[in-house]
């Protein structure tokens, strides 16, 4: 939740693959900054 830079590490229960999950705002912000850079 939110727009901050906090993260949470999770693991896929089936494969064990790990992922760092970001906030909703972080992902939207990433889309914005990537698009502006192009």
ModelCIF file with pLDDT and N, C-alpha, C, O atoms, coordinates in Angstrom:
data_MODEL
#
_entry.id   MODEL 
#
_entity.id                         1 
_entity.type                       polymer 
_entity.pdbx_number_of_molecules   1 
#
_entity_poly.entity_id                      1 
_entity_poly.type                           'polypeptide(L)' 
_entity_poly.nstd_linkage                   no 
_entity_poly.nstd_monomer                   no 
_entity_poly.pdbx_seq_one_letter_code       
;(UNK)(UNK)(UNK)(UNK)(UNK)(UNK)(UNK)(UNK)(UNK)(UNK)(UNK)(UNK)(UNK)(UNK)(UNK)(UNK)
(UNK)(UNK)(UNK)(UNK)(UNK)(UNK)(UNK)(UNK)(UNK)(UNK)(UNK)(UNK)(UNK)(UNK)(UNK)(UNK)
(UNK)(UNK)(UNK)(UNK)(UNK)(UNK)
;
_entity_poly.pdbx_seq_one_letter_code_can   XXXXXXXXXXXXXXXXXXXXXXXXXXXXXXXXXXXXXX 
_entity_poly.pdbx_strand_id                 A 
#
loop_
_entity_poly_seq.entity_id 
_entity_poly_seq.num 
_entity_poly_seq.mon_id 
_entity_poly_seq.hetero 
1 1  UNK n 
1 2  UNK n 
1 3  UNK n 
1 4  UNK n 
1 5  UNK n 
1 6  UNK n 
1 7  UNK n 
1 8  UNK n 
1 9  UNK n 
1 10 UNK n 
1 11 UNK n 
1 12 UNK n 
1 13 UNK n 
1 14 UNK n 
1 15 UNK n 
1 16 UNK n 
1 17 UNK n 
1 18 UNK n 
1 19 UNK n 
1 20 UNK n 
1 21 UNK n 
1 22 UNK n 
1 23 UNK n 
1 24 UNK n 
1 25 UNK n 
1 26 UNK n 
1 27 UNK n 
1 28 UNK n 
1 29 UNK n 
1 30 UNK n 
1 31 UNK n 
1 32 UNK n 
1 33 UNK n 
1 34 UNK n 
1 35 UNK n 
1 36 UNK n 
1 37 UNK n 
1 38 UNK n 
#
_struct_asym.id          A 
_struct_asym.entity_id   1 
#
loop_
_ma_qa_metric.id 
_ma_qa_metric.mode 
_ma_qa_metric.name 
_ma_qa_metric.software_group_id 
_ma_qa_metric.type 
1 global pLDDT . pLDDT 
2 local  pLDDT . pLDDT 
#
_ma_qa_metric_global.metric_id      1 
_ma_qa_metric_global.metric_value   95.45 
_ma_qa_metric_global.model_id       1 
_ma_qa_metric_global.ordinal_id     1 
#
loop_
_ma_qa_metric_local.label_asym_id 
_ma_qa_metric_local.label_comp_id 
_ma_qa_metric_local.label_seq_id 
_ma_qa_metric_local.metric_id 
_ma_qa_metric_local.metric_value 
_ma_qa_metric_local.model_id 
_ma_qa_metric_local.ordinal_id 
A UNK 1  2 98.00 1 1  
A UNK 2  2 98.00 1 2  
A UNK 3  2 98.00 1 3  
A UNK 4  2 98.00 1 4  
A UNK 5  2 98.00 1 5  
A UNK 6  2 98.00 1 6  
A UNK 7  2 98.00 1 7  
A UNK 8  2 97.00 1 8  
A UNK 9  2 97.00 1 9  
A UNK 10 2 96.00 1 10 
A UNK 11 2 94.00 1 11 
A UNK 12 2 86.00 1 12 
A UNK 13 2 81.00 1 13 
A UNK 14 2 78.00 1 14 
A UNK 15 2 83.00 1 15 
A UNK 16 2 87.00 1 16 
A UNK 17 2 90.00 1 17 
A UNK 18 2 94.00 1 18 
A UNK 19 2 96.00 1 19 
A UNK 20 2 98.00 1 20 
A UNK 21 2 98.00 1 21 
A UNK 22 2 98.00 1 22 
A UNK 23 2 98.00 1 23 
A UNK 24 2 98.00 1 24 
A UNK 25 2 98.00 1 25 
A UNK 26 2 98.00 1 26 
A UNK 27 2 98.00 1 27 
A UNK 28 2 98.00 1 28 
A UNK 29 2 98.00 1 29 
A UNK 30 2 98.00 1 30 
A UNK 31 2 98.00 1 31 
A UNK 32 2 98.00 1 32 
A UNK 33 2 98.00 1 33 
A UNK 34 2 98.00 1 34 
A UNK 35 2 98.00 1 35 
A UNK 36 2 98.00 1 36 
A UNK 37 2 98.00 1 37 
A UNK 38 2 98.00 1 38 
#
loop_
_atom_site.group_PDB 
_atom_site.id 
_atom_site.type_symbol 
_atom_site.label_atom_id 
_atom_site.label_alt_id 
_atom_site.label_comp_id 
_atom_site.label_asym_id 
_atom_site.label_entity_id 
_atom_site.label_seq_id 
_atom_site.pdbx_PDB_ins_code 
_atom_site.Cartn_x 
_atom_site.Cartn_y 
_atom_site.Cartn_z 
_atom_site.occupancy 
_atom_site.B_iso_or_equiv 
_atom_site.pdbx_formal_charge 
_atom_site.auth_seq_id 
_atom_site.auth_comp_id 
_atom_site.auth_asym_id 
_atom_site.auth_atom_id 
_atom_site.pdbx_PDB_model_num 
ATOM 1   N N  . UNK A 1 1  ? 0.828  -1.201  0.000   1.00 98.00 ? 1  UNK A N  1 
ATOM 2   C CA . UNK A 1 1  ? 0.000  0.000   0.000   1.00 98.00 ? 1  UNK A CA 1 
ATOM 3   C C  . UNK A 1 1  ? 0.868  1.259   0.000   1.00 98.00 ? 1  UNK A C  1 
ATOM 4   O O  . UNK A 1 1  ? 1.994  1.266   0.498   1.00 98.00 ? 1  UNK A O  1 
ATOM 5   N N  . UNK A 1 2  ? 0.309  2.315   -0.572  1.00 98.00 ? 2  UNK A N  1 
ATOM 6   C CA . UNK A 1 2  ? 0.961  3.604   -0.492  1.00 98.00 ? 2  UNK A CA 1 
ATOM 7   C C  . UNK A 1 2  ? 1.887  3.907   -1.648  1.00 98.00 ? 2  UNK A C  1 
ATOM 8   O O  . UNK A 1 2  ? 1.843  3.252   -2.689  1.00 98.00 ? 2  UNK A O  1 
ATOM 9   N N  . UNK A 1 3  ? 2.729  4.914   -1.450  1.00 98.00 ? 3  UNK A N  1 
ATOM 10  C CA . UNK A 1 3  ? 3.628  5.392   -2.499  1.00 98.00 ? 3  UNK A CA 1 
ATOM 11  C C  . UNK A 1 3  ? 5.077  5.429   -2.047  1.00 98.00 ? 3  UNK A C  1 
ATOM 12  O O  . UNK A 1 3  ? 5.931  5.988   -2.735  1.00 98.00 ? 3  UNK A O  1 
ATOM 13  N N  . UNK A 1 4  ? 5.358  4.836   -0.895  1.00 98.00 ? 4  UNK A N  1 
ATOM 14  C CA . UNK A 1 4  ? 6.704  4.922   -0.331  1.00 98.00 ? 4  UNK A CA 1 
ATOM 15  C C  . UNK A 1 4  ? 7.703  3.967   -0.964  1.00 98.00 ? 4  UNK A C  1 
ATOM 16  O O  . UNK A 1 4  ? 7.397  3.269   -1.932  1.00 98.00 ? 4  UNK A O  1 
ATOM 17  N N  . UNK A 1 5  ? 8.899  3.951   -0.400  1.00 98.00 ? 5  UNK A N  1 
ATOM 18  C CA . UNK A 1 5  ? 9.980  3.110   -0.905  1.00 98.00 ? 5  UNK A CA 1 
ATOM 19  C C  . UNK A 1 5  ? 10.173 1.841   -0.079  1.00 98.00 ? 5  UNK A C  1 
ATOM 20  O O  . UNK A 1 5  ? 11.156 1.125   -0.272  1.00 98.00 ? 5  UNK A O  1 
ATOM 21  N N  . UNK A 1 6  ? 9.255  1.557   0.832   1.00 98.00 ? 6  UNK A N  1 
ATOM 22  C CA . UNK A 1 6  ? 9.379  0.333   1.618   1.00 98.00 ? 6  UNK A CA 1 
ATOM 23  C C  . UNK A 1 6  ? 9.233  -0.892  0.715   1.00 98.00 ? 6  UNK A C  1 
ATOM 24  O O  . UNK A 1 6  ? 8.567  -0.829  -0.318  1.00 98.00 ? 6  UNK A O  1 
ATOM 25  N N  . UNK A 1 7  ? 9.847  -1.988  1.099   1.00 98.00 ? 7  UNK A N  1 
ATOM 26  C CA . UNK A 1 7  ? 9.795  -3.225  0.326   1.00 98.00 ? 7  UNK A CA 1 
ATOM 27  C C  . UNK A 1 7  ? 9.524  -4.410  1.244   1.00 98.00 ? 7  UNK A C  1 
ATOM 28  O O  . UNK A 1 7  ? 9.659  -4.322  2.465   1.00 98.00 ? 7  UNK A O  1 
ATOM 29  N N  . UNK A 1 8  ? 9.140  -5.513  0.624   1.00 97.00 ? 8  UNK A N  1 
ATOM 30  C CA . UNK A 1 8  ? 8.975  -6.766  1.363   1.00 97.00 ? 8  UNK A CA 1 
ATOM 31  C C  . UNK A 1 8  ? 9.436  -7.919  0.478   1.00 97.00 ? 8  UNK A C  1 
ATOM 32  O O  . UNK A 1 8  ? 8.979  -8.061  -0.656  1.00 97.00 ? 8  UNK A O  1 
ATOM 33  N N  . UNK A 1 9  ? 10.344 -8.742  1.003   1.00 97.00 ? 9  UNK A N  1 
ATOM 34  C CA . UNK A 1 9  ? 10.839 -9.892  0.258   1.00 97.00 ? 9  UNK A CA 1 
ATOM 35  C C  . UNK A 1 9  ? 9.891  -11.070 0.449   1.00 97.00 ? 9  UNK A C  1 
ATOM 36  O O  . UNK A 1 9  ? 9.527  -11.415 1.573   1.00 97.00 ? 9  UNK A O  1 
ATOM 37  N N  . UNK A 1 10 ? 9.497  -11.682 -0.668  1.00 96.00 ? 10 UNK A N  1 
ATOM 38  C CA . UNK A 1 10 ? 8.591  -12.832 -0.631  1.00 96.00 ? 10 UNK A CA 1 
ATOM 39  C C  . UNK A 1 10 ? 9.175  -13.944 -1.493  1.00 96.00 ? 10 UNK A C  1 
ATOM 40  O O  . UNK A 1 10 ? 10.078 -13.715 -2.298  1.00 96.00 ? 10 UNK A O  1 
ATOM 41  N N  . UNK A 1 11 ? 8.644  -15.155 -1.311  1.00 94.00 ? 11 UNK A N  1 
ATOM 42  C CA . UNK A 1 11 ? 9.092  -16.300 -2.102  1.00 94.00 ? 11 UNK A CA 1 
ATOM 43  C C  . UNK A 1 11 ? 7.890  -17.001 -2.696  1.00 94.00 ? 11 UNK A C  1 
ATOM 44  O O  . UNK A 1 11 ? 6.874  -17.171 -2.022  1.00 94.00 ? 11 UNK A O  1 
ATOM 45  N N  . UNK A 1 12 ? 7.993  -17.410 -3.949  1.00 86.00 ? 12 UNK A N  1 
ATOM 46  C CA . UNK A 1 12 ? 6.938  -18.176 -4.603  1.00 86.00 ? 12 UNK A CA 1 
ATOM 47  C C  . UNK A 1 12 ? 6.846  -19.545 -3.945  1.00 86.00 ? 12 UNK A C  1 
ATOM 48  O O  . UNK A 1 12 ? 7.834  -20.273 -3.861  1.00 86.00 ? 12 UNK A O  1 
ATOM 49  N N  . UNK A 1 13 ? 5.644  -19.888 -3.479  1.00 81.00 ? 13 UNK A N  1 
ATOM 50  C CA . UNK A 1 13 ? 5.475  -21.136 -2.744  1.00 81.00 ? 13 UNK A CA 1 
ATOM 51  C C  . UNK A 1 13 ? 5.727  -22.367 -3.598  1.00 81.00 ? 13 UNK A C  1 
ATOM 52  O O  . UNK A 1 13 ? 6.110  -23.413 -3.075  1.00 81.00 ? 13 UNK A O  1 
ATOM 53  N N  . UNK A 1 14 ? 5.519  -22.258 -4.889  1.00 78.00 ? 14 UNK A N  1 
ATOM 54  C CA . UNK A 1 14 ? 5.688  -23.412 -5.778  1.00 78.00 ? 14 UNK A CA 1 
ATOM 55  C C  . UNK A 1 14 ? 7.132  -23.579 -6.239  1.00 78.00 ? 14 UNK A C  1 
ATOM 56  O O  . UNK A 1 14 ? 7.649  -24.695 -6.291  1.00 78.00 ? 14 UNK A O  1 
ATOM 57  N N  . UNK A 1 15 ? 7.778  -22.467 -6.572  1.00 83.00 ? 15 UNK A N  1 
ATOM 58  C CA . UNK A 1 15 ? 9.121  -22.540 -7.158  1.00 83.00 ? 15 UNK A CA 1 
ATOM 59  C C  . UNK A 1 15 ? 10.224 -22.112 -6.202  1.00 83.00 ? 15 UNK A C  1 
ATOM 60  O O  . UNK A 1 15 ? 11.394 -22.425 -6.421  1.00 83.00 ? 15 UNK A O  1 
ATOM 61  N N  . UNK A 1 16 ? 9.857  -21.399 -5.145  1.00 87.00 ? 16 UNK A N  1 
ATOM 62  C CA . UNK A 1 16 ? 10.863 -20.884 -4.228  1.00 87.00 ? 16 UNK A CA 1 
ATOM 63  C C  . UNK A 1 16 ? 11.553 -19.630 -4.707  1.00 87.00 ? 16 UNK A C  1 
ATOM 64  O O  . UNK A 1 16 ? 12.416 -19.094 -4.013  1.00 87.00 ? 16 UNK A O  1 
ATOM 65  N N  . UNK A 1 17 ? 11.180 -19.144 -5.906  1.00 90.00 ? 17 UNK A N  1 
ATOM 66  C CA . UNK A 1 17 ? 11.791 -17.942 -6.457  1.00 90.00 ? 17 UNK A CA 1 
ATOM 67  C C  . UNK A 1 17 ? 11.467 -16.737 -5.587  1.00 90.00 ? 17 UNK A C  1 
ATOM 68  O O  . UNK A 1 17 ? 10.317 -16.533 -5.196  1.00 90.00 ? 17 UNK A O  1 
ATOM 69  N N  . UNK A 1 18 ? 12.467 -15.955 -5.292  1.00 94.00 ? 18 UNK A N  1 
ATOM 70  C CA . UNK A 1 18 ? 12.289 -14.813 -4.405  1.00 94.00 ? 18 UNK A CA 1 
ATOM 71  C C  . UNK A 1 18 ? 12.044 -13.535 -5.208  1.00 94.00 ? 18 UNK A C  1 
ATOM 72  O O  . UNK A 1 18 ? 12.521 -13.380 -6.332  1.00 94.00 ? 18 UNK A O  1 
ATOM 73  N N  . UNK A 1 19 ? 11.292 -12.636 -4.599  1.00 96.00 ? 19 UNK A N  1 
ATOM 74  C CA . UNK A 1 19 ? 10.953 -11.365 -5.243  1.00 96.00 ? 19 UNK A CA 1 
ATOM 75  C C  . UNK A 1 19 ? 10.878 -10.271 -4.198  1.00 96.00 ? 19 UNK A C  1 
ATOM 76  O O  . UNK A 1 19 ? 10.395 -10.491 -3.088  1.00 96.00 ? 19 UNK A O  1 
ATOM 77  N N  . UNK A 1 20 ? 11.353 -9.106  -4.553  1.00 98.00 ? 20 UNK A N  1 
ATOM 78  C CA . UNK A 1 20 ? 11.213 -7.937  -3.693  1.00 98.00 ? 20 UNK A CA 1 
ATOM 79  C C  . UNK A 1 20 ? 10.003 -7.146  -4.171  1.00 98.00 ? 20 UNK A C  1 
ATOM 80  O O  . UNK A 1 20 ? 9.993  -6.619  -5.283  1.00 98.00 ? 20 UNK A O  1 
ATOM 81  N N  . UNK A 1 21 ? 8.986  -7.069  -3.322  1.00 98.00 ? 21 UNK A N  1 
ATOM 82  C CA . UNK A 1 21 ? 7.754  -6.382  -3.679  1.00 98.00 ? 21 UNK A CA 1 
ATOM 83  C C  . UNK A 1 21 ? 7.822  -4.930  -3.221  1.00 98.00 ? 21 UNK A C  1 
ATOM 84  O O  . UNK A 1 21 ? 8.230  -4.638  -2.097  1.00 98.00 ? 21 UNK A O  1 
ATOM 85  N N  . UNK A 1 22 ? 7.418  -4.032  -4.102  1.00 98.00 ? 22 UNK A N  1 
ATOM 86  C CA . UNK A 1 22 ? 7.430  -2.600  -3.809  1.00 98.00 ? 22 UNK A CA 1 
ATOM 87  C C  . UNK A 1 22 ? 6.001  -2.094  -3.611  1.00 98.00 ? 22 UNK A C  1 
ATOM 88  O O  . UNK A 1 22 ? 5.036  -2.853  -3.702  1.00 98.00 ? 22 UNK A O  1 
ATOM 89  N N  . UNK A 1 23 ? 5.894  -0.822  -3.345  1.00 98.00 ? 23 UNK A N  1 
ATOM 90  C CA . UNK A 1 23 ? 4.574  -0.210  -3.176  1.00 98.00 ? 23 UNK A CA 1 
ATOM 91  C C  . UNK A 1 23 ? 3.928  0.068   -4.524  1.00 98.00 ? 23 UNK A C  1 
ATOM 92  O O  . UNK A 1 23 ? 4.600  0.145   -5.553  1.00 98.00 ? 23 UNK A O  1 
ATOM 93  N N  . UNK A 1 24 ? 2.605  0.218   -4.494  1.00 98.00 ? 24 UNK A N  1 
ATOM 94  C CA . UNK A 1 24 ? 1.860  0.610   -5.702  1.00 98.00 ? 24 UNK A CA 1 
ATOM 95  C C  . UNK A 1 24 ? 2.450  1.875   -6.303  1.00 98.00 ? 24 UNK A C  1 
ATOM 96  O O  . UNK A 1 24 ? 2.648  1.957   -7.515  1.00 98.00 ? 24 UNK A O  1 
ATOM 97  N N  . UNK A 1 25 ? 2.726  2.842   -5.473  1.00 98.00 ? 25 UNK A N  1 
ATOM 98  C CA . UNK A 1 25 ? 3.289  4.093   -5.964  1.00 98.00 ? 25 UNK A CA 1 
ATOM 99  C C  . UNK A 1 25 ? 4.663  3.919   -6.586  1.00 98.00 ? 25 UNK A C  1 
ATOM 100 O O  . UNK A 1 25 ? 5.016  4.625   -7.531  1.00 98.00 ? 25 UNK A O  1 
ATOM 101 N N  . UNK A 1 26 ? 5.445  2.976   -6.056  1.00 98.00 ? 26 UNK A N  1 
ATOM 102 C CA . UNK A 1 26 ? 6.787  2.734   -6.609  1.00 98.00 ? 26 UNK A CA 1 
ATOM 103 C C  . UNK A 1 26 ? 6.690  2.240   -8.044  1.00 98.00 ? 26 UNK A C  1 
ATOM 104 O O  . UNK A 1 26 ? 7.428  2.698   -8.917  1.00 98.00 ? 26 UNK A O  1 
ATOM 105 N N  . UNK A 1 27 ? 5.769  1.295   -8.289  1.00 98.00 ? 27 UNK A N  1 
ATOM 106 C CA . UNK A 1 27 ? 5.631  0.740   -9.637  1.00 98.00 ? 27 UNK A CA 1 
ATOM 107 C C  . UNK A 1 27 ? 5.123  1.808   -10.617 1.00 98.00 ? 27 UNK A C  1 
ATOM 108 O O  . UNK A 1 27 ? 5.651  1.944   -11.720 1.00 98.00 ? 27 UNK A O  1 
ATOM 109 N N  . UNK A 1 28 ? 4.110  2.550   -10.212 1.00 98.00 ? 28 UNK A N  1 
ATOM 110 C CA . UNK A 1 28 ? 3.586  3.599   -11.090 1.00 98.00 ? 28 UNK A CA 1 
ATOM 111 C C  . UNK A 1 28 ? 4.653  4.652   -11.347 1.00 98.00 ? 28 UNK A C  1 
ATOM 112 O O  . UNK A 1 28 ? 4.789  5.159   -12.461 1.00 98.00 ? 28 UNK A O  1 
ATOM 113 N N  . UNK A 1 29 ? 5.404  4.971   -10.307 1.00 98.00 ? 29 UNK A N  1 
ATOM 114 C CA . UNK A 1 29 ? 6.499  5.946   -10.450 1.00 98.00 ? 29 UNK A CA 1 
ATOM 115 C C  . UNK A 1 29 ? 7.562  5.423   -11.421 1.00 98.00 ? 29 UNK A C  1 
ATOM 116 O O  . UNK A 1 29 ? 8.134  6.192   -12.193 1.00 98.00 ? 29 UNK A O  1 
ATOM 117 N N  . UNK A 1 30 ? 7.821  4.123   -11.379 1.00 98.00 ? 30 UNK A N  1 
ATOM 118 C CA . UNK A 1 30 ? 8.793  3.526   -12.296 1.00 98.00 ? 30 UNK A CA 1 
ATOM 119 C C  . UNK A 1 30 ? 8.313  3.645   -13.742 1.00 98.00 ? 30 UNK A C  1 
ATOM 120 O O  . UNK A 1 30 ? 9.096  3.960   -14.638 1.00 98.00 ? 30 UNK A O  1 
ATOM 121 N N  . UNK A 1 31 ? 7.016  3.390   -13.963 1.00 98.00 ? 31 UNK A N  1 
ATOM 122 C CA . UNK A 1 31 ? 6.462  3.535   -15.312 1.00 98.00 ? 31 UNK A CA 1 
ATOM 123 C C  . UNK A 1 31 ? 6.619  4.972   -15.800 1.00 98.00 ? 31 UNK A C  1 
ATOM 124 O O  . UNK A 1 31 ? 6.970  5.218   -16.954 1.00 98.00 ? 31 UNK A O  1 
ATOM 125 N N  . UNK A 1 32 ? 6.358  5.896   -14.915 1.00 98.00 ? 32 UNK A N  1 
ATOM 126 C CA . UNK A 1 32 ? 6.440  7.320   -15.277 1.00 98.00 ? 32 UNK A CA 1 
ATOM 127 C C  . UNK A 1 32 ? 7.864  7.723   -15.621 1.00 98.00 ? 32 UNK A C  1 
ATOM 128 O O  . UNK A 1 32 ? 8.106  8.342   -16.657 1.00 98.00 ? 32 UNK A O  1 
ATOM 129 N N  . UNK A 1 33 ? 8.802  7.374   -14.758 1.00 98.00 ? 33 UNK A N  1 
ATOM 130 C CA . UNK A 1 33 ? 10.186 7.797   -14.978 1.00 98.00 ? 33 UNK A CA 1 
ATOM 131 C C  . UNK A 1 33 ? 10.781 7.114   -16.212 1.00 98.00 ? 33 UNK A C  1 
ATOM 132 O O  . UNK A 1 33 ? 11.543 7.729   -16.957 1.00 98.00 ? 33 UNK A O  1 
ATOM 133 N N  . UNK A 1 34 ? 10.431 5.842   -16.425 1.00 98.00 ? 34 UNK A N  1 
ATOM 134 C CA . UNK A 1 34 ? 10.914 5.144   -17.620 1.00 98.00 ? 34 UNK A CA 1 
ATOM 135 C C  . UNK A 1 34 ? 10.390 5.813   -18.896 1.00 98.00 ? 34 UNK A C  1 
ATOM 136 O O  . UNK A 1 34 ? 11.139 6.018   -19.852 1.00 98.00 ? 34 UNK A O  1 
ATOM 137 N N  . UNK A 1 35 ? 9.097  6.150   -18.898 1.00 98.00 ? 35 UNK A N  1 
ATOM 138 C CA . UNK A 1 35 ? 8.493  6.770   -20.084 1.00 98.00 ? 35 UNK A CA 1 
ATOM 139 C C  . UNK A 1 35 ? 9.105  8.135   -20.351 1.00 98.00 ? 35 UNK A C  1 
ATOM 140 O O  . UNK A 1 35 ? 9.390  8.475   -21.500 1.00 98.00 ? 35 UNK A O  1 
ATOM 141 N N  . UNK A 1 36 ? 9.306  8.909   -19.313 1.00 98.00 ? 36 UNK A N  1 
ATOM 142 C CA . UNK A 1 36 ? 9.904  10.237  -19.481 1.00 98.00 ? 36 UNK A CA 1 
ATOM 143 C C  . UNK A 1 36 ? 11.326 10.125  -20.016 1.00 98.00 ? 36 UNK A C  1 
ATOM 144 O O  . UNK A 1 36 ? 11.759 10.958  -20.813 1.00 98.00 ? 36 UNK A O  1 
ATOM 145 N N  . UNK A 1 37 ? 12.046 9.108   -19.585 1.00 98.00 ? 37 UNK A N  1 
ATOM 146 C CA . UNK A 1 37 ? 13.415 8.920   -20.046 1.00 98.00 ? 37 UNK A CA 1 
ATOM 147 C C  . UNK A 1 37 ? 13.473 8.604   -21.540 1.00 98.00 ? 37 UNK A C  1 
ATOM 148 O O  . UNK A 1 37 ? 14.485 8.865   -22.192 1.00 98.00 ? 37 UNK A O  1 
ATOM 149 N N  . UNK A 1 38 ? 12.395 8.046   -22.081 1.00 98.00 ? 38 UNK A N  1 
ATOM 150 C CA . UNK A 1 38 ? 12.339 7.733   -23.507 1.00 98.00 ? 38 UNK A CA 1 
ATOM 151 C C  . UNK A 1 38 ? 11.792 8.902   -24.335 1.00 98.00 ? 38 UNK A C  1 
ATOM 152 O O  . UNK A 1 38 ? 11.682 8.796   -25.556 1.00 98.00 ? 38 UNK A O  1 
#
